[in-house]
């Protein structure tokens, strides 16, 4: 598998994890590339699969694996389990590629990884090294992290979505 998208040091308090009764679908992990049209792209990474790292004020606190489109569910679960209150930021590294067609709100969904693609060992090792450098930020590493084909996504907070990006991302008639 190849890392296709990632987000670094997203703030947990900027996500509405439990939006309330009747609003279950309002829970999202929105990320963006760009800020304005025509280059703005917004995707929901709630159903991403991959690796995530939880951070506290001292650095990495927990590493987890999100299988079967469960990144959002795994992160939300950590607000109700033994990790509740012990982390405030997270980074994630996903394997599902972002789709090209937005929904009615302008949000891109995720595609399943292609089953016919087999990565060579050097690509997999290179992506793993890039993941560790990005997540840990070791001060003695002089090499910049480079994923073979991944895009970095910036966090869209729940209030940014409502106040700024909802109108910008909506399809133009």
N, C-alpha and C. Protein backbone atom coordinates (compact mmCIF):
# COMPACT_ATOMS: atom_id res chain seq x y z
N UNK A 1 0.84 -1.19 0.00
CA UNK A 1 0.00 0.00 0.00
C UNK A 1 0.88 1.24 0.00
N UNK A 2 0.34 2.29 -0.58
CA UNK A 2 1.03 3.56 -0.66
C UNK A 2 0.26 4.63 0.09
N UNK A 3 0.97 5.53 0.73
CA UNK A 3 0.34 6.69 1.35
C UNK A 3 -0.10 7.62 0.22
N UNK A 4 -1.39 7.96 0.20
CA UNK A 4 -1.92 8.83 -0.87
C UNK A 4 -2.29 10.21 -0.37
N UNK A 5 -2.51 10.33 0.94
CA UNK A 5 -2.89 11.62 1.53
C UNK A 5 -2.50 11.60 3.00
N UNK A 6 -2.28 12.78 3.55
CA UNK A 6 -1.92 12.85 4.96
C UNK A 6 -2.23 14.23 5.52
N UNK A 7 -2.39 14.28 6.83
CA UNK A 7 -2.60 15.52 7.55
C UNK A 7 -1.71 15.53 8.78
N UNK A 8 -1.09 16.66 9.05
CA UNK A 8 -0.14 16.75 10.16
C UNK A 8 -0.65 17.67 11.26
N UNK A 9 -0.62 17.18 12.47
CA UNK A 9 -0.89 17.95 13.68
C UNK A 9 -2.24 18.67 13.64
N UNK A 10 -3.28 17.94 13.24
CA UNK A 10 -4.62 18.50 13.27
C UNK A 10 -5.06 18.61 14.72
N UNK A 11 -5.79 19.67 15.03
CA UNK A 11 -6.25 19.93 16.40
C UNK A 11 -7.54 19.17 16.68
N UNK A 12 -7.53 18.38 17.73
CA UNK A 12 -8.72 17.60 18.08
C UNK A 12 -9.87 18.49 18.53
N UNK A 13 -9.57 19.62 19.16
CA UNK A 13 -10.64 20.48 19.66
C UNK A 13 -11.31 21.30 18.56
N UNK A 14 -10.83 21.19 17.34
CA UNK A 14 -11.44 21.90 16.21
C UNK A 14 -12.39 21.01 15.41
N UNK A 15 -12.69 19.85 15.94
CA UNK A 15 -13.60 18.90 15.28
C UNK A 15 -14.79 18.68 16.20
N UNK A 16 -15.98 18.72 15.62
CA UNK A 16 -17.20 18.46 16.39
C UNK A 16 -17.44 16.96 16.38
N UNK A 17 -16.84 16.26 17.34
CA UNK A 17 -16.86 14.81 17.39
C UNK A 17 -18.26 14.25 17.63
N UNK A 18 -19.05 14.93 18.44
CA UNK A 18 -20.37 14.44 18.81
C UNK A 18 -21.38 15.56 18.55
N UNK A 19 -21.85 15.71 17.30
CA UNK A 19 -22.69 16.85 16.94
C UNK A 19 -24.10 16.83 17.49
N UNK A 20 -24.51 15.78 18.13
CA UNK A 20 -25.84 15.76 18.74
C UNK A 20 -26.82 14.86 18.04
N UNK A 21 -27.93 14.63 18.71
CA UNK A 21 -28.98 13.74 18.23
C UNK A 21 -29.49 14.20 16.87
N UNK A 22 -29.59 13.27 15.93
CA UNK A 22 -30.12 13.59 14.61
C UNK A 22 -29.11 14.20 13.66
N UNK A 23 -27.90 14.43 14.13
CA UNK A 23 -26.86 15.04 13.30
C UNK A 23 -25.65 14.12 13.13
N UNK A 24 -25.89 12.84 13.15
CA UNK A 24 -24.79 11.88 13.11
C UNK A 24 -23.88 12.09 11.90
N UNK A 25 -24.45 12.44 10.77
CA UNK A 25 -23.65 12.63 9.56
C UNK A 25 -22.90 13.95 9.53
N UNK A 26 -23.11 14.80 10.53
CA UNK A 26 -22.40 16.07 10.59
C UNK A 26 -20.96 15.89 11.04
N UNK A 27 -20.65 14.78 11.69
CA UNK A 27 -19.28 14.51 12.10
C UNK A 27 -18.43 14.29 10.86
N UNK A 28 -17.40 15.11 10.72
CA UNK A 28 -16.53 15.01 9.54
C UNK A 28 -15.09 15.27 9.94
N UNK A 29 -14.18 14.75 9.14
CA UNK A 29 -12.75 15.08 9.23
C UNK A 29 -12.39 15.75 7.91
N UNK A 30 -12.64 17.04 7.84
CA UNK A 30 -12.45 17.76 6.58
C UNK A 30 -11.03 18.28 6.45
N UNK A 31 -10.50 18.11 5.26
CA UNK A 31 -9.19 18.64 4.92
C UNK A 31 -9.29 19.38 3.61
N UNK A 32 -8.35 20.30 3.38
CA UNK A 32 -8.39 21.08 2.15
C UNK A 32 -7.01 21.20 1.54
N UNK A 33 -7.02 21.39 0.24
CA UNK A 33 -5.85 21.83 -0.51
C UNK A 33 -6.30 23.09 -1.22
N UNK A 34 -5.56 24.17 -1.05
CA UNK A 34 -5.94 25.46 -1.62
C UNK A 34 -6.89 26.19 -0.70
N UNK A 35 -7.17 27.46 -1.08
CA UNK A 35 -8.08 28.27 -0.27
C UNK A 35 -9.23 28.84 -1.08
N UNK A 36 -9.04 29.02 -2.37
CA UNK A 36 -10.05 29.64 -3.23
C UNK A 36 -10.20 28.84 -4.51
N UNK A 37 -11.31 29.08 -5.20
CA UNK A 37 -11.50 28.48 -6.52
C UNK A 37 -10.50 29.07 -7.48
N UNK A 38 -10.09 28.40 -8.47
CA UNK A 38 -10.53 27.07 -8.89
C UNK A 38 -9.73 25.94 -8.24
N UNK A 39 -8.69 26.27 -7.48
CA UNK A 39 -7.83 25.22 -6.93
C UNK A 39 -8.27 24.59 -5.64
N UNK A 40 -9.32 25.13 -5.00
CA UNK A 40 -9.78 24.60 -3.72
C UNK A 40 -10.35 23.20 -3.88
N UNK A 41 -9.87 22.30 -3.05
CA UNK A 41 -10.42 20.94 -2.95
C UNK A 41 -10.62 20.63 -1.48
N UNK A 42 -11.79 20.12 -1.13
CA UNK A 42 -12.10 19.73 0.24
C UNK A 42 -12.54 18.27 0.23
N UNK A 43 -11.98 17.49 1.15
CA UNK A 43 -12.31 16.07 1.23
C UNK A 43 -12.63 15.70 2.68
N UNK A 44 -13.45 14.67 2.83
CA UNK A 44 -13.80 14.14 4.15
C UNK A 44 -12.99 12.87 4.37
N UNK A 45 -12.11 12.90 5.36
CA UNK A 45 -11.22 11.77 5.63
C UNK A 45 -11.73 10.87 6.75
N UNK A 46 -12.96 11.05 7.14
CA UNK A 46 -13.55 10.24 8.21
C UNK A 46 -13.48 8.75 7.89
N UNK A 47 -13.63 8.38 6.64
CA UNK A 47 -13.64 6.97 6.26
C UNK A 47 -12.31 6.52 5.67
N UNK A 48 -11.25 7.23 5.99
CA UNK A 48 -9.91 6.86 5.51
C UNK A 48 -9.41 5.64 6.28
N UNK A 49 -8.54 4.89 5.66
CA UNK A 49 -7.85 3.83 6.38
C UNK A 49 -6.36 4.14 6.33
N UNK A 50 -5.67 3.82 7.39
CA UNK A 50 -4.25 4.13 7.43
C UNK A 50 -3.70 4.08 8.85
N UNK A 51 -2.71 4.93 9.09
CA UNK A 51 -2.02 4.99 10.37
C UNK A 51 -2.23 6.37 10.96
N UNK A 52 -2.42 6.44 12.27
CA UNK A 52 -2.56 7.75 12.92
C UNK A 52 -1.70 7.80 14.17
N UNK A 53 -1.35 9.01 14.56
CA UNK A 53 -0.54 9.23 15.75
C UNK A 53 -1.22 10.30 16.58
N UNK A 54 -1.43 10.03 17.85
CA UNK A 54 -2.00 11.01 18.77
C UNK A 54 -0.85 11.67 19.53
N UNK A 55 -0.97 12.99 19.70
CA UNK A 55 0.08 13.76 20.37
C UNK A 55 -0.48 14.44 21.62
N UNK A 56 0.34 14.49 22.66
CA UNK A 56 0.02 15.31 23.81
C UNK A 56 1.01 16.47 23.82
N UNK A 57 1.08 17.22 24.92
CA UNK A 57 1.94 18.40 24.94
C UNK A 57 3.43 18.06 24.88
N UNK A 58 3.78 16.79 25.08
CA UNK A 58 5.19 16.39 25.07
C UNK A 58 5.62 15.70 23.79
N UNK A 59 4.69 15.36 22.91
CA UNK A 59 5.05 14.68 21.67
C UNK A 59 4.14 13.50 21.40
N UNK A 60 4.61 12.53 20.62
CA UNK A 60 3.78 11.37 20.29
C UNK A 60 3.38 10.61 21.55
N UNK A 61 2.09 10.29 21.65
CA UNK A 61 1.58 9.59 22.82
C UNK A 61 1.01 8.21 22.48
N UNK A 62 0.55 8.04 21.24
CA UNK A 62 -0.12 6.79 20.87
C UNK A 62 -0.10 6.66 19.36
N UNK A 63 0.13 5.45 18.88
CA UNK A 63 0.08 5.15 17.44
C UNK A 63 -1.00 4.10 17.23
N UNK A 64 -1.83 4.32 16.22
CA UNK A 64 -2.91 3.38 15.95
C UNK A 64 -3.06 3.09 14.47
N UNK A 65 -3.79 2.04 14.19
CA UNK A 65 -4.06 1.61 12.82
C UNK A 65 -5.56 1.68 12.60
N UNK A 66 -5.96 2.32 11.52
CA UNK A 66 -7.38 2.41 11.17
C UNK A 66 -7.61 1.56 9.93
N UNK A 67 -8.22 0.39 10.14
CA UNK A 67 -8.51 -0.51 9.03
C UNK A 67 -9.95 -0.34 8.60
N UNK A 68 -10.22 -0.69 7.36
CA UNK A 68 -11.60 -0.73 6.89
C UNK A 68 -12.34 0.59 6.98
N UNK A 69 -11.76 1.65 6.53
CA UNK A 69 -12.43 2.95 6.44
C UNK A 69 -12.86 3.48 7.81
N UNK A 70 -12.01 3.39 8.82
CA UNK A 70 -12.43 3.73 10.17
C UNK A 70 -11.58 4.80 10.85
N UNK A 71 -10.87 5.64 10.15
CA UNK A 71 -10.04 6.65 10.81
C UNK A 71 -10.88 7.53 11.73
N UNK A 72 -11.96 8.08 11.22
CA UNK A 72 -12.80 8.96 12.03
C UNK A 72 -13.37 8.25 13.24
N UNK A 73 -13.84 7.03 13.06
CA UNK A 73 -14.42 6.26 14.17
C UNK A 73 -13.36 5.95 15.23
N UNK A 74 -12.17 5.59 14.80
CA UNK A 74 -11.10 5.29 15.76
C UNK A 74 -10.74 6.53 16.57
N UNK A 75 -10.60 7.67 15.89
CA UNK A 75 -10.26 8.89 16.61
C UNK A 75 -11.37 9.29 17.57
N UNK A 76 -12.61 9.18 17.13
CA UNK A 76 -13.74 9.52 18.00
C UNK A 76 -13.80 8.57 19.20
N UNK A 77 -13.52 7.29 18.98
CA UNK A 77 -13.52 6.32 20.08
C UNK A 77 -12.53 6.72 21.18
N UNK A 78 -11.45 7.35 20.80
CA UNK A 78 -10.43 7.72 21.78
C UNK A 78 -10.88 8.88 22.68
N UNK A 79 -12.06 9.43 22.44
CA UNK A 79 -12.66 10.41 23.35
C UNK A 79 -13.50 9.72 24.42
N UNK A 80 -13.68 8.41 24.29
CA UNK A 80 -14.49 7.65 25.25
C UNK A 80 -13.72 6.51 25.91
N UNK A 81 -12.47 6.32 25.56
CA UNK A 81 -11.72 5.19 26.12
C UNK A 81 -10.61 5.70 27.05
N UNK A 82 -9.65 4.86 27.32
CA UNK A 82 -8.57 5.20 28.26
C UNK A 82 -7.69 6.36 27.79
N UNK A 83 -7.82 6.77 26.54
CA UNK A 83 -7.02 7.89 26.02
C UNK A 83 -7.74 9.23 26.11
N UNK A 84 -8.98 9.22 26.57
CA UNK A 84 -9.76 10.45 26.67
C UNK A 84 -9.02 11.50 27.51
N UNK A 85 -8.85 12.69 26.94
CA UNK A 85 -8.19 13.78 27.64
C UNK A 85 -6.68 13.71 27.66
N UNK A 86 -6.11 12.70 27.01
CA UNK A 86 -4.66 12.52 27.05
C UNK A 86 -3.98 12.90 25.73
N UNK A 87 -4.73 13.49 24.80
CA UNK A 87 -4.15 13.92 23.53
C UNK A 87 -4.91 15.13 23.03
N UNK A 88 -4.23 15.97 22.25
CA UNK A 88 -4.90 17.17 21.73
C UNK A 88 -4.65 17.42 20.25
N UNK A 89 -3.74 16.69 19.65
CA UNK A 89 -3.48 16.80 18.22
C UNK A 89 -3.28 15.40 17.65
N UNK A 90 -3.44 15.31 16.33
CA UNK A 90 -3.19 14.02 15.68
C UNK A 90 -2.69 14.25 14.27
N UNK A 91 -1.91 13.29 13.80
CA UNK A 91 -1.48 13.24 12.41
C UNK A 91 -2.00 11.93 11.85
N UNK A 92 -2.29 11.93 10.57
CA UNK A 92 -2.80 10.71 9.94
C UNK A 92 -2.15 10.54 8.56
N UNK A 93 -2.05 9.29 8.13
CA UNK A 93 -1.43 8.93 6.87
C UNK A 93 -2.33 7.89 6.22
N UNK A 94 -2.98 8.25 5.11
CA UNK A 94 -4.03 7.42 4.54
C UNK A 94 -3.65 6.71 3.26
N UNK A 95 -4.31 5.58 3.04
CA UNK A 95 -4.07 4.75 1.87
C UNK A 95 -5.14 4.89 0.79
N UNK A 96 -6.32 5.38 1.14
CA UNK A 96 -7.40 5.52 0.15
C UNK A 96 -7.20 6.81 -0.64
N UNK A 97 -7.16 6.74 -1.97
CA UNK A 97 -7.00 7.97 -2.76
C UNK A 97 -8.27 8.82 -2.73
N UNK A 98 -8.08 10.12 -2.85
CA UNK A 98 -9.21 11.05 -2.88
C UNK A 98 -9.85 11.00 -4.26
N UNK A 99 -11.18 10.92 -4.29
CA UNK A 99 -11.91 10.89 -5.55
C UNK A 99 -11.89 12.23 -6.26
N UNK A 100 -12.38 12.25 -7.47
CA UNK A 100 -12.34 13.46 -8.29
C UNK A 100 -13.67 14.19 -8.37
N UNK A 101 -14.77 13.52 -8.02
CA UNK A 101 -16.10 14.12 -8.17
C UNK A 101 -16.67 14.52 -6.82
N UNK A 102 -16.94 15.82 -6.62
CA UNK A 102 -17.49 16.26 -5.33
C UNK A 102 -18.97 15.94 -5.20
N UNK A 103 -19.44 15.87 -3.95
CA UNK A 103 -20.86 15.68 -3.70
C UNK A 103 -21.58 17.03 -3.85
N UNK A 104 -22.86 17.08 -3.46
CA UNK A 104 -23.65 18.30 -3.64
C UNK A 104 -23.13 19.47 -2.81
N UNK A 105 -22.31 19.19 -1.80
CA UNK A 105 -21.73 20.25 -0.97
C UNK A 105 -20.33 20.63 -1.42
N UNK A 106 -19.82 19.94 -2.44
CA UNK A 106 -18.47 20.22 -2.92
C UNK A 106 -17.39 19.43 -2.20
N UNK A 107 -17.79 18.42 -1.44
CA UNK A 107 -16.83 17.62 -0.67
C UNK A 107 -16.49 16.35 -1.45
N UNK A 108 -15.20 16.10 -1.57
CA UNK A 108 -14.72 14.90 -2.25
C UNK A 108 -14.76 13.72 -1.30
N UNK A 109 -15.09 12.56 -1.83
CA UNK A 109 -15.07 11.34 -1.01
C UNK A 109 -13.79 10.57 -1.35
N UNK A 110 -13.64 9.43 -0.70
CA UNK A 110 -12.45 8.62 -0.90
C UNK A 110 -12.77 7.40 -1.75
N UNK A 111 -11.80 7.00 -2.55
CA UNK A 111 -11.91 5.78 -3.34
C UNK A 111 -11.20 4.65 -2.60
N UNK A 112 -11.52 3.43 -2.96
CA UNK A 112 -10.80 2.29 -2.41
C UNK A 112 -9.43 2.21 -3.08
N UNK A 113 -8.42 1.74 -2.36
CA UNK A 113 -7.12 1.56 -3.00
C UNK A 113 -7.24 0.55 -4.14
N UNK A 114 -6.50 0.79 -5.19
CA UNK A 114 -6.52 -0.15 -6.32
C UNK A 114 -5.87 -1.46 -5.90
N UNK A 115 -6.59 -2.53 -6.12
CA UNK A 115 -6.09 -3.86 -5.74
C UNK A 115 -5.01 -4.36 -6.69
N UNK A 116 -5.02 -3.85 -7.93
CA UNK A 116 -4.06 -4.37 -8.91
C UNK A 116 -2.70 -3.69 -8.82
N UNK A 117 -2.56 -2.71 -7.93
CA UNK A 117 -1.28 -2.02 -7.79
C UNK A 117 -0.45 -2.72 -6.73
N UNK A 118 0.74 -3.10 -7.09
CA UNK A 118 1.67 -3.65 -6.11
C UNK A 118 2.87 -2.73 -6.06
N UNK A 119 3.15 -2.24 -4.89
CA UNK A 119 4.29 -1.34 -4.71
C UNK A 119 5.57 -2.15 -4.65
N UNK A 120 6.60 -1.58 -5.23
CA UNK A 120 7.88 -2.23 -5.04
C UNK A 120 8.38 -1.88 -3.64
N UNK A 121 9.30 -2.65 -3.16
CA UNK A 121 9.79 -2.49 -1.79
C UNK A 121 10.38 -1.12 -1.54
N UNK A 122 11.10 -0.56 -2.49
CA UNK A 122 11.74 0.74 -2.27
C UNK A 122 10.70 1.84 -2.08
N UNK A 123 9.57 1.78 -2.81
CA UNK A 123 8.51 2.77 -2.63
C UNK A 123 7.90 2.65 -1.24
N UNK A 124 7.61 1.43 -0.82
CA UNK A 124 7.03 1.20 0.50
C UNK A 124 7.97 1.67 1.60
N UNK A 125 9.24 1.34 1.50
CA UNK A 125 10.22 1.76 2.50
C UNK A 125 10.36 3.28 2.50
N UNK A 126 10.37 3.89 1.32
CA UNK A 126 10.47 5.35 1.22
C UNK A 126 9.28 6.04 1.85
N UNK A 127 8.08 5.52 1.62
CA UNK A 127 6.88 6.11 2.23
C UNK A 127 6.89 5.92 3.75
N UNK A 128 7.35 4.78 4.22
CA UNK A 128 7.43 4.55 5.66
C UNK A 128 8.43 5.52 6.30
N UNK A 129 9.57 5.73 5.67
CA UNK A 129 10.55 6.69 6.19
C UNK A 129 9.95 8.10 6.22
N UNK A 130 9.28 8.49 5.15
CA UNK A 130 8.65 9.82 5.09
C UNK A 130 7.61 9.97 6.18
N UNK A 131 6.83 8.93 6.43
CA UNK A 131 5.81 8.95 7.48
C UNK A 131 6.46 9.18 8.84
N UNK A 132 7.51 8.46 9.14
CA UNK A 132 8.16 8.60 10.44
C UNK A 132 8.81 9.97 10.60
N UNK A 133 9.43 10.48 9.56
CA UNK A 133 10.05 11.81 9.63
C UNK A 133 8.98 12.87 9.84
N UNK A 134 7.87 12.77 9.10
CA UNK A 134 6.79 13.75 9.24
C UNK A 134 6.18 13.71 10.63
N UNK A 135 5.97 12.52 11.15
CA UNK A 135 5.29 12.37 12.44
C UNK A 135 6.19 12.73 13.62
N UNK A 136 7.42 12.33 13.56
CA UNK A 136 8.30 12.51 14.71
C UNK A 136 9.13 13.79 14.64
N UNK A 137 9.39 14.27 13.42
CA UNK A 137 10.18 15.49 13.26
C UNK A 137 11.53 15.42 13.95
N UNK A 138 12.28 14.32 13.75
CA UNK A 138 13.57 14.23 14.43
C UNK A 138 14.51 15.35 13.99
N UNK A 139 15.13 16.00 14.97
CA UNK A 139 15.93 17.19 14.68
C UNK A 139 17.21 16.89 13.92
N UNK A 140 17.71 15.67 13.94
CA UNK A 140 18.96 15.37 13.24
C UNK A 140 18.75 14.87 11.82
N UNK A 141 17.50 14.63 11.44
CA UNK A 141 17.23 14.22 10.05
C UNK A 141 17.36 15.43 9.14
N UNK A 142 18.29 15.38 8.22
CA UNK A 142 18.45 16.49 7.29
C UNK A 142 17.62 16.27 6.03
N UNK A 143 17.26 15.04 5.77
CA UNK A 143 16.48 14.72 4.58
C UNK A 143 15.04 15.16 4.79
N UNK A 144 14.50 15.83 3.79
CA UNK A 144 13.08 16.21 3.83
C UNK A 144 12.25 14.98 3.55
N UNK A 145 11.07 14.92 4.16
CA UNK A 145 10.21 13.78 3.90
C UNK A 145 9.54 13.95 2.54
N UNK A 146 9.50 12.87 1.80
CA UNK A 146 8.86 12.90 0.48
C UNK A 146 8.12 11.59 0.27
N UNK A 147 6.82 11.69 0.22
CA UNK A 147 6.03 10.53 -0.16
C UNK A 147 6.08 10.43 -1.67
N UNK A 148 6.01 9.22 -2.17
CA UNK A 148 6.09 9.02 -3.61
C UNK A 148 4.95 9.73 -4.34
N UNK A 149 3.71 9.61 -3.84
CA UNK A 149 2.57 10.21 -4.54
C UNK A 149 1.52 10.79 -3.61
N UNK A 150 1.86 11.15 -2.40
CA UNK A 150 0.85 11.62 -1.44
C UNK A 150 0.68 13.13 -1.48
N UNK A 151 -0.54 13.57 -1.13
CA UNK A 151 -0.84 15.00 -1.03
C UNK A 151 -1.05 15.35 0.43
N UNK A 152 -0.53 16.51 0.83
CA UNK A 152 -0.74 17.00 2.20
C UNK A 152 -2.02 17.82 2.24
N UNK A 153 -2.89 17.51 3.18
CA UNK A 153 -4.17 18.20 3.35
C UNK A 153 -4.14 19.00 4.64
N UNK A 154 -4.64 20.22 4.60
CA UNK A 154 -4.74 21.08 5.77
C UNK A 154 -6.11 20.87 6.41
N UNK A 155 -6.18 20.97 7.71
CA UNK A 155 -7.42 20.78 8.44
C UNK A 155 -8.41 21.91 8.14
N UNK A 156 -9.68 21.54 8.01
CA UNK A 156 -10.78 22.50 7.93
C UNK A 156 -11.57 22.32 9.22
N UNK A 157 -11.58 23.33 10.08
CA UNK A 157 -12.30 23.22 11.34
C UNK A 157 -13.80 23.29 11.09
N UNK A 158 -14.60 22.86 12.06
CA UNK A 158 -16.05 22.86 11.87
C UNK A 158 -16.57 24.28 11.65
N UNK A 159 -16.00 25.27 12.30
CA UNK A 159 -16.47 26.64 12.10
C UNK A 159 -15.95 27.23 10.78
N UNK A 160 -14.76 26.84 10.33
CA UNK A 160 -14.27 27.31 9.02
C UNK A 160 -15.17 26.79 7.90
N UNK A 161 -15.61 25.54 8.04
CA UNK A 161 -16.49 24.96 7.02
C UNK A 161 -17.75 25.80 6.89
N UNK A 162 -18.38 26.09 8.02
CA UNK A 162 -19.64 26.83 8.00
C UNK A 162 -19.46 28.28 7.57
N UNK A 163 -18.41 28.94 8.04
CA UNK A 163 -18.24 30.37 7.78
C UNK A 163 -17.54 30.69 6.47
N UNK A 164 -16.70 29.80 5.98
CA UNK A 164 -15.87 30.14 4.83
C UNK A 164 -15.99 29.17 3.67
N UNK A 165 -15.69 27.91 3.93
CA UNK A 165 -15.49 26.97 2.83
C UNK A 165 -16.76 26.35 2.27
N UNK A 166 -17.85 26.32 3.01
CA UNK A 166 -19.08 25.72 2.49
C UNK A 166 -19.50 26.42 1.19
N UNK A 167 -19.49 27.73 1.19
CA UNK A 167 -19.89 28.48 -0.01
C UNK A 167 -18.85 28.35 -1.11
N UNK A 168 -17.59 28.34 -0.75
CA UNK A 168 -16.53 28.25 -1.76
C UNK A 168 -16.47 26.89 -2.43
N UNK A 169 -16.81 25.84 -1.69
CA UNK A 169 -16.70 24.49 -2.22
C UNK A 169 -17.92 24.04 -3.00
N UNK A 170 -19.06 24.68 -2.77
CA UNK A 170 -20.30 24.26 -3.42
C UNK A 170 -20.15 24.34 -4.94
N UNK A 171 -20.67 23.34 -5.63
CA UNK A 171 -20.60 23.37 -7.09
C UNK A 171 -21.31 24.59 -7.66
N UNK A 172 -20.76 25.13 -8.72
CA UNK A 172 -21.35 26.29 -9.39
C UNK A 172 -22.33 25.80 -10.44
N UNK A 173 -23.53 26.34 -10.42
CA UNK A 173 -24.55 25.92 -11.40
C UNK A 173 -24.30 26.57 -12.75
